[in-house]
Amino acid sequence: MQPTLVAVAHGSRDPRALPTVQALLERIRELRPRLDVRLGHIELNRPLLADTLRRTPGPAVLVPLLLGRGYHVKRDLPAAAARHADARLAAPLGPHPLLVEALYERLLEAGWSPDAHTAVVLAAAGSRDPDAAADTRHTADLLSERLGGTAVVPAYASAAAPAVPEAVRALVARGHRRVAVASYFTAPGRFAAQSAAAATGPAAAPLGDHPALARLVLRRYDRALAARPARTPLELATA
């Protein structure tokens, strides 16, 4: 029997967040129908991760629906995995080309088009962890390449600088009249809404149940299974 895939979402008070994550999990189940796929939240929504793990018999792989290396990935989730009899922890989703493809397509859906006066702010949640900031900068660089060299500036909704409105203002001051916001969030929530409101151009939807995200979750699951048992989430994230 394959180990259970436990997708770990952060949790949000936004009522749209849980249905969005559930839709993503349905895409994952469609891609791999025989795999047991379950959901656990770090906080704010049920089921909480601890409850999901208590109800999960046998081995499990925790796949964070988180986009970089921050406190939850380095501290909370390893501790949760250690409390389960047989659990592995996969790397966070980002950075990865599949995420960039999803960001690109969400921008197109929002009406983005290349223009000499257009720039993009990659809006992320933010973290004080320097590895998290490095991951977001890497994603911004990859997205710039995917957009044909369009300027892409990483910015944050909390905990790190620059803030999203500040980054938009700076780009406008540099002559970019139309600043789009790429939503580097897995689901709707307060940070995503605040970031979108700062755009002077198109504001993309969160990644949500994009097919590329579903494929990436399965890749992280498979890689965690293939890794040597002693490998840490930090090693997986940088592999």
Foldseek 3Di string as FASTA:
>chain_A
DDAAEEEEEAEAPPPFFVVLVVLLVVLLCVVPVVHHYHYAHCDHDPPHPLVVLVVGPDEYEYAYQDAWDADCQVPVVVVSQVVHPHYFYFAYLFDDVLLLVLLVVLCVVLPDDDDPLEAEEEEDADHLDVRRVVRQVVSQVSNCVVNVNGHYHYAHLDDDDDHLLVVQVVSVVVRNQFYEYRYADQTDHDSLVVNRVSGSHGYGHYSGNPSSSSVSSVVRVVVRVVDDPVDGNVNNNVD
